[in-house]
PDB file of N, CA and C in Angstrom:
ATOM      1  N   UNK A   1       0.842  -1.184   0.000  1.00  0.00           N
ATOM      2  CA  UNK A   1       0.000   0.000   0.000  1.00  0.00           C
ATOM      3  C   UNK A   1       0.887   1.247   0.000  1.00  0.00           C
ATOM      4  N   UNK A   2       0.565   2.199  -0.880  1.00  0.00           N
ATOM      5  CA  UNK A   2       1.374   3.408  -0.966  1.00  0.00           C
ATOM      6  C   UNK A   2       0.973   4.392   0.120  1.00  0.00           C
ATOM      7  N   UNK A   3       1.922   5.214   0.497  1.00  0.00           N
ATOM      8  CA  UNK A   3       1.670   6.226   1.522  1.00  0.00           C
ATOM      9  C   UNK A   3       1.786   7.606   0.899  1.00  0.00           C
ATOM     10  N   UNK A   4       0.796   8.431   1.126  1.00  0.00           N
ATOM     11  CA  UNK A   4       0.788   9.810   0.670  1.00  0.00           C
ATOM     12  C   UNK A   4       1.568  10.634   1.689  1.00  0.00           C
ATOM     13  N   UNK A   5       2.600  11.360   1.230  1.00  0.00           N
ATOM     14  CA  UNK A   5       3.424  12.167   2.130  1.00  0.00           C
ATOM     15  C   UNK A   5       2.729  13.454   2.568  1.00  0.00           C
ATOM     16  N   UNK A   6       1.549  13.726   2.036  1.00  0.00           N
ATOM     17  CA  UNK A   6       0.838  14.947   2.398  1.00  0.00           C
ATOM     18  C   UNK A   6       1.335  16.171   1.648  1.00  0.00           C
ATOM     19  N   UNK A   7       2.148  15.966   0.622  1.00  0.00           N
ATOM     20  CA  UNK A   7       2.655  17.077  -0.185  1.00  0.00           C
ATOM     21  C   UNK A   7       1.542  17.512  -1.130  1.00  0.00           C
ATOM     22  N   UNK A   8       1.224  18.777  -1.142  1.00  0.00           N
ATOM     23  CA  UNK A   8       0.188  19.303  -2.017  1.00  0.00           C
ATOM     24  C   UNK A   8       0.723  20.546  -2.710  1.00  0.00           C
ATOM     25  N   UNK A   9       1.723  20.354  -3.578  1.00  0.00           N
ATOM     26  CA  UNK A   9       2.371  21.448  -4.290  1.00  0.00           C
ATOM     27  C   UNK A   9       2.394  21.124  -5.774  1.00  0.00           C
ATOM     28  N   UNK A  10       2.173  22.119  -6.633  1.00  0.00           N
ATOM     29  CA  UNK A  10       2.274  21.870  -8.063  1.00  0.00           C
ATOM     30  C   UNK A  10       3.668  21.355  -8.421  1.00  0.00           C
ATOM     31  N   UNK A  11       3.710  20.342  -9.257  1.00  0.00           N
ATOM     32  CA  UNK A  11       4.982  19.836  -9.748  1.00  0.00           C
ATOM     33  C   UNK A  11       5.703  18.864  -8.835  1.00  0.00           C
ATOM     34  N   UNK A  12       5.113  18.511  -7.681  1.00  0.00           N
ATOM     35  CA  UNK A  12       5.741  17.553  -6.752  1.00  0.00           C
ATOM     36  C   UNK A  12       4.850  16.345  -6.554  1.00  0.00           C
ATOM     37  N   UNK A  13       5.457  15.187  -6.531  1.00  0.00           N
ATOM     38  CA  UNK A  13       4.726  13.942  -6.322  1.00  0.00           C
ATOM     39  C   UNK A  13       4.311  13.821  -4.856  1.00  0.00           C
ATOM     40  N   UNK A  14       3.004  13.593  -4.578  1.00  0.00           N
ATOM     41  CA  UNK A  14       2.565  13.449  -3.196  1.00  0.00           C
ATOM     42  C   UNK A  14       2.986  12.121  -2.568  1.00  0.00           C
ATOM     43  N   UNK A  15       3.448  11.181  -3.395  1.00  0.00           N
ATOM     44  CA  UNK A  15       3.866   9.876  -2.873  1.00  0.00           C
ATOM     45  C   UNK A  15       5.323   9.874  -2.429  1.00  0.00           C
ATOM     46  N   UNK A  16       6.228  10.421  -3.279  1.00  0.00           N
ATOM     47  CA  UNK A  16       7.659  10.347  -2.960  1.00  0.00           C
ATOM     48  C   UNK A  16       8.330  11.708  -2.791  1.00  0.00           C
ATOM     49  N   UNK A  17       7.651  12.802  -3.182  1.00  0.00           N
ATOM     50  CA  UNK A  17       8.219  14.137  -3.044  1.00  0.00           C
ATOM     51  C   UNK A  17       9.077  14.573  -4.214  1.00  0.00           C
ATOM     52  N   UNK A  18       9.240  13.718  -5.219  1.00  0.00           N
ATOM     53  CA  UNK A  18      10.064  14.046  -6.381  1.00  0.00           C
ATOM     54  C   UNK A  18       9.468  15.228  -7.151  1.00  0.00           C
ATOM     55  N   UNK A  19      10.320  16.022  -7.789  1.00  0.00           N
ATOM     56  CA  UNK A  19       9.870  17.179  -8.568  1.00  0.00           C
ATOM     57  C   UNK A  19       9.922  16.922 -10.068  1.00  0.00           C
ATOM     58  N   UNK A  20       9.973  15.666 -10.477  1.00  0.00           N
ATOM     59  CA  UNK A  20      10.103  15.332 -11.889  1.00  0.00           C
ATOM     60  C   UNK A  20       8.859  14.586 -12.362  1.00  0.00           C
ATOM     61  N   UNK A  21       7.777  15.350 -12.628  1.00  0.00           N
ATOM     62  CA  UNK A  21       6.539  14.758 -13.114  1.00  0.00           C
ATOM     63  C   UNK A  21       6.439  14.926 -14.621  1.00  0.00           C
ATOM     64  N   UNK A  22       5.932  13.907 -15.281  1.00  0.00           N
ATOM     65  CA  UNK A  22       5.639  13.982 -16.713  1.00  0.00           C
ATOM     66  C   UNK A  22       4.137  14.185 -16.862  1.00  0.00           C
ATOM     67  N   UNK A  23       3.755  15.246 -17.567  1.00  0.00           N
ATOM     68  CA  UNK A  23       2.345  15.602 -17.705  1.00  0.00           C
ATOM     69  C   UNK A  23       1.797  15.170 -19.056  1.00  0.00           C
ATOM     70  N   UNK A  24       0.511  14.806 -19.055  1.00  0.00           N
ATOM     71  CA  UNK A  24      -0.218  14.539 -20.285  1.00  0.00           C
ATOM     72  C   UNK A  24      -0.974  15.810 -20.661  1.00  0.00           C
ATOM     73  N   UNK A  25      -1.771  15.750 -21.717  1.00  0.00           N
ATOM     74  CA  UNK A  25      -2.562  16.892 -22.156  1.00  0.00           C
ATOM     75  C   UNK A  25      -3.579  17.277 -21.090  1.00  0.00           C
ATOM     76  N   UNK A  26      -3.786  18.585 -20.903  1.00  0.00           N
ATOM     77  CA  UNK A  26      -4.735  19.019 -19.865  1.00  0.00           C
ATOM     78  C   UNK A  26      -6.166  18.678 -20.257  1.00  0.00           C
ATOM     79  N   UNK A  27      -6.997  18.496 -19.244  1.00  0.00           N
ATOM     80  CA  UNK A  27      -8.412  18.191 -19.418  1.00  0.00           C
ATOM     81  C   UNK A  27      -9.212  19.349 -18.834  1.00  0.00           C
ATOM     82  N   UNK A  28     -10.093  19.928 -19.649  1.00  0.00           N
ATOM     83  CA  UNK A  28     -10.897  21.077 -19.247  1.00  0.00           C
ATOM     84  C   UNK A  28     -12.319  20.605 -18.958  1.00  0.00           C
ATOM     85  N   UNK A  29     -12.813  20.821 -17.739  1.00  0.00           N
ATOM     86  CA  UNK A  29     -14.179  20.399 -17.401  1.00  0.00           C
ATOM     87  C   UNK A  29     -15.107  21.591 -17.135  1.00  0.00           C
ATOM     88  N   UNK A  30     -14.872  22.712 -17.764  1.00  0.00           N
ATOM     89  CA  UNK A  30     -15.663  23.947 -17.684  1.00  0.00           C
ATOM     90  C   UNK A  30     -15.402  24.778 -16.433  1.00  0.00           C
ATOM     91  N   UNK A  31     -15.257  24.160 -15.261  1.00  0.00           N
ATOM     92  CA  UNK A  31     -15.037  24.909 -14.026  1.00  0.00           C
ATOM     93  C   UNK A  31     -13.600  24.823 -13.537  1.00  0.00           C
ATOM     94  N   UNK A  32     -12.892  23.814 -13.988  1.00  0.00           N
ATOM     95  CA  UNK A  32     -11.500  23.629 -13.583  1.00  0.00           C
ATOM     96  C   UNK A  32     -10.758  22.879 -14.685  1.00  0.00           C
ATOM     97  N   UNK A  33      -9.456  22.818 -14.536  1.00  0.00           N
ATOM     98  CA  UNK A  33      -8.591  22.114 -15.483  1.00  0.00           C
ATOM     99  C   UNK A  33      -7.722  21.173 -14.674  1.00  0.00           C
ATOM    100  N   UNK A  34      -7.490  19.974 -15.194  1.00  0.00           N
ATOM    101  CA  UNK A  34      -6.522  19.105 -14.535  1.00  0.00           C
ATOM    102  C   UNK A  34      -5.543  18.535 -15.540  1.00  0.00           C
ATOM    103  N   UNK A  35      -4.363  18.231 -15.038  1.00  0.00           N
ATOM    104  CA  UNK A  35      -3.288  17.658 -15.825  1.00  0.00           C
ATOM    105  C   UNK A  35      -2.963  16.277 -15.272  1.00  0.00           C
ATOM    106  N   UNK A  36      -3.254  15.202 -16.018  1.00  0.00           N
ATOM    107  CA  UNK A  36      -2.825  13.879 -15.572  1.00  0.00           C
ATOM    108  C   UNK A  36      -1.294  13.823 -15.584  1.00  0.00           C
ATOM    109  N   UNK A  37      -0.711  13.155 -14.596  1.00  0.00           N
ATOM    110  CA  UNK A  37       0.749  13.070 -14.529  1.00  0.00           C
ATOM    111  C   UNK A  37       1.209  11.679 -14.111  1.00  0.00           C
ATOM    112  N   UNK A  38       2.477  11.426 -14.391  1.00  0.00           N
ATOM    113  CA  UNK A  38       3.181  10.240 -13.906  1.00  0.00           C
ATOM    114  C   UNK A  38       4.482  10.716 -13.288  1.00  0.00           C
ATOM    115  N   UNK A  39       4.803  10.229 -12.097  1.00  0.00           N
ATOM    116  CA  UNK A  39       6.065  10.570 -11.448  1.00  0.00           C
ATOM    117  C   UNK A  39       7.174   9.745 -12.089  1.00  0.00           C
ATOM    118  N   UNK A  40       8.209  10.414 -12.571  1.00  0.00           N
ATOM    119  CA  UNK A  40       9.328   9.721 -13.210  1.00  0.00           C
ATOM    120  C   UNK A  40      10.198   8.971 -12.215  1.00  0.00           C
ATOM    121  N   UNK A  41      10.046   9.257 -10.926  1.00  0.00           N
ATOM    122  CA  UNK A  41      10.857   8.591  -9.902  1.00  0.00           C
ATOM    123  C   UNK A  41      10.189   7.317  -9.389  1.00  0.00           C
ATOM    124  N   UNK A  42       8.940   7.414  -8.913  1.00  0.00           N
ATOM    125  CA  UNK A  42       8.291   6.251  -8.279  1.00  0.00           C
ATOM    126  C   UNK A  42       7.193   5.621  -9.125  1.00  0.00           C
ATOM    127  N   UNK A  43       6.797   6.269 -10.233  1.00  0.00           N
ATOM    128  CA  UNK A  43       5.773   5.715 -11.111  1.00  0.00           C
ATOM    129  C   UNK A  43       4.340   6.017 -10.702  1.00  0.00           C
ATOM    130  N   UNK A  44       4.140   6.783  -9.618  1.00  0.00           N
ATOM    131  CA  UNK A  44       2.785   7.134  -9.190  1.00  0.00           C
ATOM    132  C   UNK A  44       2.096   7.962 -10.273  1.00  0.00           C
ATOM    133  N   UNK A  45       0.791   7.793 -10.390  1.00  0.00           N
ATOM    134  CA  UNK A  45       0.008   8.582 -11.333  1.00  0.00           C
ATOM    135  C   UNK A  45      -1.056   9.350 -10.569  1.00  0.00           C
ATOM    136  N   UNK A  46      -1.482  10.468 -11.129  1.00  0.00           N
ATOM    137  CA  UNK A  46      -2.508  11.271 -10.485  1.00  0.00           C
ATOM    138  C   UNK A  46      -2.937  12.413 -11.374  1.00  0.00           C
ATOM    139  N   UNK A  47      -3.643  13.355 -10.794  1.00  0.00           N
ATOM    140  CA  UNK A  47      -4.125  14.539 -11.503  1.00  0.00           C
ATOM    141  C   UNK A  47      -3.773  15.770 -10.690  1.00  0.00           C
ATOM    142  N   UNK A  48      -3.306  16.799 -11.375  1.00  0.00           N
ATOM    143  CA  UNK A  48      -3.017  18.088 -10.751  1.00  0.00           C
ATOM    144  C   UNK A  48      -4.123  19.047 -11.184  1.00  0.00           C
ATOM    145  N   UNK A  49      -4.922  19.533 -10.227  1.00  0.00           N
ATOM    146  CA  UNK A  49      -6.105  20.352 -10.503  1.00  0.00           C
ATOM    147  C   UNK A  49      -5.817  21.843 -10.362  1.00  0.00           C
ATOM    148  N   UNK A  50      -6.457  22.635 -11.240  1.00  0.00           N
ATOM    149  CA  UNK A  50      -6.372  24.093 -11.196  1.00  0.00           C
ATOM    150  C   UNK A  50      -7.771  24.667 -11.378  1.00  0.00           C
ATOM    151  N   UNK A  51      -8.119  25.672 -10.589  1.00  0.00           N
ATOM    152  CA  UNK A  51      -9.411  26.350 -10.709  1.00  0.00           C
ATOM    153  C   UNK A  51      -9.326  27.430 -11.768  1.00  0.00           C
ATOM    154  N   UNK A  52     -10.451  27.658 -12.444  1.00  0.00           N
ATOM    155  CA  UNK A  52     -10.536  28.766 -13.388  1.00  0.00           C
ATOM    156  C   UNK A  52     -11.147  29.953 -12.657  1.00  0.00           C
ATOM    157  N   UNK A  53     -10.514  31.094 -12.774  1.00  0.00           N
ATOM    158  CA  UNK A  53     -11.009  32.315 -12.143  1.00  0.00           C
ATOM    159  C   UNK A  53     -11.027  33.418 -13.199  1.00  0.00           C
ATOM    160  N   UNK A  54     -12.139  34.123 -13.309  1.00  0.00           N
ATOM    161  CA  UNK A  54     -12.246  35.221 -14.264  1.00  0.00           C
ATOM    162  C   UNK A  54     -11.189  36.269 -13.962  1.00  0.00           C
ATOM    163  N   UNK A  55     -10.513  36.721 -15.016  1.00  0.00           N
ATOM    164  CA  UNK A  55      -9.465  37.723 -14.866  1.00  0.00           C
ATOM    165  C   UNK A  55      -9.889  39.063 -15.464  1.00  0.00           C
ATOM    166  N   UNK A  56     -10.227  39.066 -16.756  1.00  0.00           N
ATOM    167  CA  UNK A  56     -10.623  40.320 -17.400  1.00  0.00           C
ATOM    168  C   UNK A  56     -11.243  40.023 -18.760  1.00  0.00           C
ATOM    169  N   UNK A  57     -11.833  41.060 -19.361  1.00  0.00           N
ATOM    170  CA  UNK A  57     -12.315  40.996 -20.729  1.00  0.00           C
ATOM    171  C   UNK A  57     -11.435  41.886 -21.581  1.00  0.00           C
ATOM    172  N   UNK A  58     -11.377  41.546 -22.859  1.00  0.00           N
ATOM    173  CA  UNK A  58     -10.575  42.336 -23.788  1.00  0.00           C
ATOM    174  C   UNK A  58     -11.290  42.345 -25.133  1.00  0.00           C
ATOM    175  N   UNK A  59     -11.595  43.534 -25.667  1.00  0.00           N
ATOM    176  CA  UNK A  59     -12.250  43.644 -26.969  1.00  0.00           C
ATOM    177  C   UNK A  59     -11.253  43.411 -28.087  1.00  0.00           C
ATOM    178  N   UNK A  60     -11.732  42.748 -29.137  1.00  0.00           N
ATOM    179  CA  UNK A  60     -10.920  42.625 -30.342  1.00  0.00           C
ATOM    180  C   UNK A  60     -10.842  43.993 -31.004  1.00  0.00           C
ATOM    181  N   UNK A  61      -9.739  44.293 -31.635  1.00  0.00           N
ATOM    182  CA  UNK A  61      -9.549  45.609 -32.246  1.00  0.00           C
ATOM    183  C   UNK A  61     -10.469  45.833 -33.436  1.00  0.00           C
ATOM    184  N   UNK A  62     -10.932  44.775 -34.081  1.00  0.00           N
ATOM    185  CA  UNK A  62     -11.751  44.933 -35.284  1.00  0.00           C
ATOM    186  C   UNK A  62     -13.251  44.933 -34.986  1.00  0.00           C
ATOM    187  N   UNK A  63     -13.673  45.177 -33.742  1.00  0.00           N
ATOM    188  CA  UNK A  63     -15.115  45.237 -33.403  1.00  0.00           C
ATOM    189  C   UNK A  63     -15.699  46.572 -33.780  1.00  0.00           C
TER     190      UNK A  63
END
């Protein structure tokens, strides 16, 4: 059984703490985005989640 080290940082494996993750294509679910990953050190797989937050609007110049 694997043990989660409690690490919750982007780019770090929560299983072994390694900073060498290989990411797959991001998945957009309308409210958030996640990146499936594999740890190159221990082989653990998971998802790294990011929230979408409105930033600003910008008009196209040709409107």
